[in-house]
């Protein structure tokens, strides 16, 4: 299964055989059962996870309520860059929504590999840029779009969120209540 991550990384930026061998050496496999956490608020985790199978949900807790911020599906990378770069504890949680298989690696170990390889350094930059764009686009959607427009964007993108997530988590992700989501789905 570790080969899948190499296929995805190579599709982002071609790597040499040596780069692939070096990356393979730092990879670990971890299985989470439904409800197991990959990241927990307040608990240090300076690792990166690549979702092989299953899916994860990022959420924040405010006034006792869970607010869904992101979903990570197969072939996606899940990392809390602000806590890693800032050397702080995560403020959010990431939980497995079903049995989930992850390929993981230490961000620090990957950075050591980047020091030796221009291709890995370039790959790292692209992945960080992708993470920034994901955050920026989500933030912009909440500032510039209505909940209906955010829902329509999910529909147009044929997002797996609509097929796999519960109505409660989808509505939280859109920043609305479940009843409002029901009305949007009904076209009212």
Protein backbone atom coordinates (compact mmCIF):
# COMPACT_ATOMS: atom_id res chain seq x y z
CA UNK A 1 0.00 0.00 0.00
CA UNK A 2 2.91 2.34 0.55
CA UNK A 3 3.43 2.36 -3.21
CA UNK A 4 0.14 4.27 -3.67
CA UNK A 5 1.53 7.31 -1.89
CA UNK A 6 4.55 7.25 -4.24
CA UNK A 7 2.24 7.22 -7.28
CA UNK A 8 0.41 10.26 -5.94
CA UNK A 9 3.60 12.10 -5.00
CA UNK A 10 5.13 11.33 -8.42
CA UNK A 11 2.01 12.71 -10.10
CA UNK A 12 2.56 15.99 -8.23
CA UNK A 13 6.29 16.17 -8.93
CA UNK A 14 8.40 13.44 -10.55
CA UNK A 15 10.84 11.78 -8.13
CA UNK A 16 13.99 9.79 -8.77
CA UNK A 17 14.29 6.16 -7.76
CA UNK A 18 16.58 7.26 -4.90
CA UNK A 19 14.00 9.80 -3.71
CA UNK A 20 11.32 7.10 -3.73
CA UNK A 21 13.58 4.71 -1.80
CA UNK A 22 14.34 7.41 0.77
CA UNK A 23 10.65 8.24 1.20
CA UNK A 24 9.76 4.56 1.59
CA UNK A 25 12.17 4.32 4.53
CA UNK A 26 10.26 6.91 6.59
CA UNK A 27 6.74 5.60 5.88
CA UNK A 28 4.61 3.78 8.44
CA UNK A 29 1.15 2.29 8.15
CA UNK A 30 -1.56 2.95 10.70
CA UNK A 31 -5.11 1.70 10.85
CA UNK A 32 -7.82 3.68 12.62
CA UNK A 33 -11.19 2.29 13.54
CA UNK A 34 -14.30 4.41 13.23
CA UNK A 35 -14.13 7.06 15.95
CA UNK A 36 -10.35 6.83 16.46
CA UNK A 37 -8.54 10.16 16.31
CA UNK A 38 -5.59 10.95 14.06
CA UNK A 39 -5.18 14.41 15.61
CA UNK A 40 -6.53 15.57 18.95
CA UNK A 41 -6.84 19.08 20.25
CA UNK A 42 -3.99 19.78 22.65
CA UNK A 43 -1.97 16.63 21.78
CA UNK A 44 1.24 17.05 19.81
CA UNK A 45 1.31 15.25 16.45
CA UNK A 46 3.99 16.38 14.02
CA UNK A 47 3.19 13.71 11.44
CA UNK A 48 1.62 13.73 8.01
CA UNK A 49 -1.07 11.22 7.03
CA UNK A 50 -1.90 10.00 3.55
CA UNK A 51 -5.35 8.40 3.36
CA UNK A 52 -5.10 5.02 1.66
CA UNK A 53 -8.64 3.87 2.39
CA UNK A 54 -11.54 5.31 4.38
CA UNK A 55 -11.91 8.95 5.31
CA UNK A 56 -11.21 11.49 8.01
CA UNK A 57 -13.11 14.53 9.28
CA UNK A 58 -11.52 17.61 10.85
CA UNK A 59 -13.59 19.37 13.48
CA UNK A 60 -13.26 22.06 16.10
CA UNK A 61 -15.10 22.16 19.41
CA UNK A 62 -16.78 25.43 20.35
CA UNK A 63 -19.15 25.72 23.29
CA UNK A 64 -19.45 21.93 23.33
CA UNK A 65 -20.48 21.72 19.65
CA UNK A 66 -18.43 20.11 16.89
CA UNK A 67 -17.85 22.32 13.86
CA UNK A 68 -16.71 20.38 10.80
CA UNK A 69 -13.96 22.10 8.85
CA UNK A 70 -12.64 19.54 6.37
CA UNK A 71 -12.86 16.01 5.04
CA UNK A 72 -9.96 13.89 3.80
CA UNK A 73 -10.71 11.04 1.40
CA UNK A 74 -8.59 8.44 -0.38
CA UNK A 75 -5.32 9.78 -1.83
CA UNK A 76 -5.56 12.93 0.27
CA UNK A 77 -2.98 14.28 2.70
CA UNK A 78 -3.98 15.33 6.20
CA UNK A 79 -1.62 17.47 8.25
CA UNK A 80 -1.91 20.27 10.79
CA UNK A 81 0.77 22.56 9.35
CA UNK A 82 0.13 25.48 11.75
CA UNK A 83 0.89 23.29 14.78
CA UNK A 84 3.92 21.67 13.11
CA UNK A 85 5.46 24.90 11.79
CA UNK A 86 4.57 26.84 14.94
CA UNK A 87 5.59 23.94 17.21
CA UNK A 88 2.28 24.21 19.03
CA UNK A 89 -0.43 21.75 19.99
CA UNK A 90 -3.31 21.32 17.52
CA UNK A 91 -6.48 23.32 18.13
CA UNK A 92 -8.68 20.95 16.12
CA UNK A 93 -9.39 17.23 15.95
CA UNK A 94 -9.26 14.74 13.08
CA UNK A 95 -11.31 11.57 13.45
CA UNK A 96 -11.79 8.45 11.33
CA UNK A 97 -15.36 8.31 10.06
CA UNK A 98 -15.03 4.61 9.25
CA UNK A 99 -12.20 2.09 9.30
CA UNK A 100 -9.35 4.08 7.75
CA UNK A 101 -5.90 3.04 6.62
CA UNK A 102 -3.19 5.71 6.69
CA UNK A 103 0.37 5.89 5.45
CA UNK A 104 2.17 8.27 7.79
CA UNK A 105 5.53 9.97 8.05
CA UNK A 106 7.26 12.48 10.28
CA UNK A 107 7.28 16.00 8.86
CA UNK A 108 10.76 16.52 10.36
CA UNK A 109 12.11 13.35 8.71
CA UNK A 110 10.62 14.41 5.39
CA UNK A 111 12.27 17.83 5.72
CA UNK A 112 15.64 16.11 6.27
CA UNK A 113 15.10 14.27 2.99
CA UNK A 114 14.24 17.59 1.34
CA UNK A 115 17.65 18.96 2.33
CA UNK A 116 19.27 16.27 0.15
CA UNK A 117 16.89 16.36 -2.80
CA UNK A 118 15.77 19.30 -4.93
CA UNK A 119 12.82 17.24 -6.24
CA UNK A 120 11.57 16.47 -2.72
CA UNK A 121 12.05 20.11 -1.69
CA UNK A 122 9.99 21.17 -4.71
CA UNK A 123 7.34 18.55 -3.87
CA UNK A 124 7.18 19.83 -0.30
CA UNK A 125 6.66 23.39 -1.53
CA UNK A 126 3.84 22.28 -3.84
CA UNK A 127 2.12 20.36 -1.02
CA UNK A 128 2.38 23.34 1.34
CA UNK A 129 1.01 25.63 -1.39
CA UNK A 130 -1.89 23.21 -1.97
CA UNK A 131 -2.66 23.25 1.75
CA UNK A 132 -2.62 27.05 1.78
CA UNK A 133 -4.92 27.23 -1.26
CA UNK A 134 -7.34 24.75 0.31
CA UNK A 135 -7.53 26.91 3.44
CA UNK A 136 -7.78 30.15 1.43
CA UNK A 137 -10.58 28.85 -0.82
CA UNK A 138 -12.57 27.59 2.15
CA UNK A 139 -12.18 30.92 3.95
CA UNK A 140 -13.10 32.88 0.82
CA UNK A 141 -16.21 30.75 0.30
CA UNK A 142 -17.48 31.72 3.77
CA UNK A 143 -16.82 35.40 3.13
CA UNK A 144 -18.03 35.65 -0.48
CA UNK A 145 -20.67 32.94 -0.92
CA UNK A 146 -24.03 32.09 0.54
CA UNK A 147 -24.68 28.66 2.07
CA UNK A 148 -26.64 27.76 -1.08
CA UNK A 149 -23.68 28.67 -3.28
CA UNK A 150 -21.36 26.58 -1.06
CA UNK A 151 -23.80 23.66 -1.33
CA UNK A 152 -24.10 24.11 -5.11
CA UNK A 153 -20.29 24.04 -5.34
CA UNK A 154 -20.26 20.63 -3.60
CA UNK A 155 -22.91 19.35 -6.00
CA UNK A 156 -21.07 20.66 -9.09
CA UNK A 157 -17.78 19.14 -7.90
CA UNK A 158 -19.53 15.80 -7.27
CA UNK A 159 -17.85 15.90 -3.90
CA UNK A 160 -17.61 12.62 -2.00
CA UNK A 161 -18.73 14.64 1.01
CA UNK A 162 -22.30 14.42 -0.29
CA UNK A 163 -22.14 10.62 -0.67
CA UNK A 164 -20.18 9.68 2.46
CA UNK A 165 -20.79 12.25 5.20
CA UNK A 166 -23.87 12.48 7.40
CA UNK A 167 -26.35 15.30 6.93
CA UNK A 168 -25.28 16.70 10.30
CA UNK A 169 -21.60 16.85 9.27
CA UNK A 170 -22.39 18.28 5.83
CA UNK A 171 -24.54 21.03 7.34
CA UNK A 172 -21.82 21.84 9.88
CA UNK A 173 -19.24 21.95 7.05
CA UNK A 174 -21.47 24.40 5.15
CA UNK A 175 -22.02 26.52 8.28
CA UNK A 176 -25.78 25.89 8.44
CA UNK A 177 -28.24 23.80 10.43
CA UNK A 178 -29.49 20.38 9.27
CA UNK A 179 -32.96 21.81 8.52
CA UNK A 180 -31.47 24.45 6.23
CA UNK A 181 -29.52 21.72 4.42
CA UNK A 182 -32.75 19.75 3.95
CA UNK A 183 -34.35 22.80 2.34
CA UNK A 184 -31.33 23.30 0.05
CA UNK A 185 -31.47 19.64 -1.01
CA UNK A 186 -35.17 19.95 -1.72
CA UNK A 187 -34.50 23.04 -3.84
CA UNK A 188 -36.59 25.35 -1.68
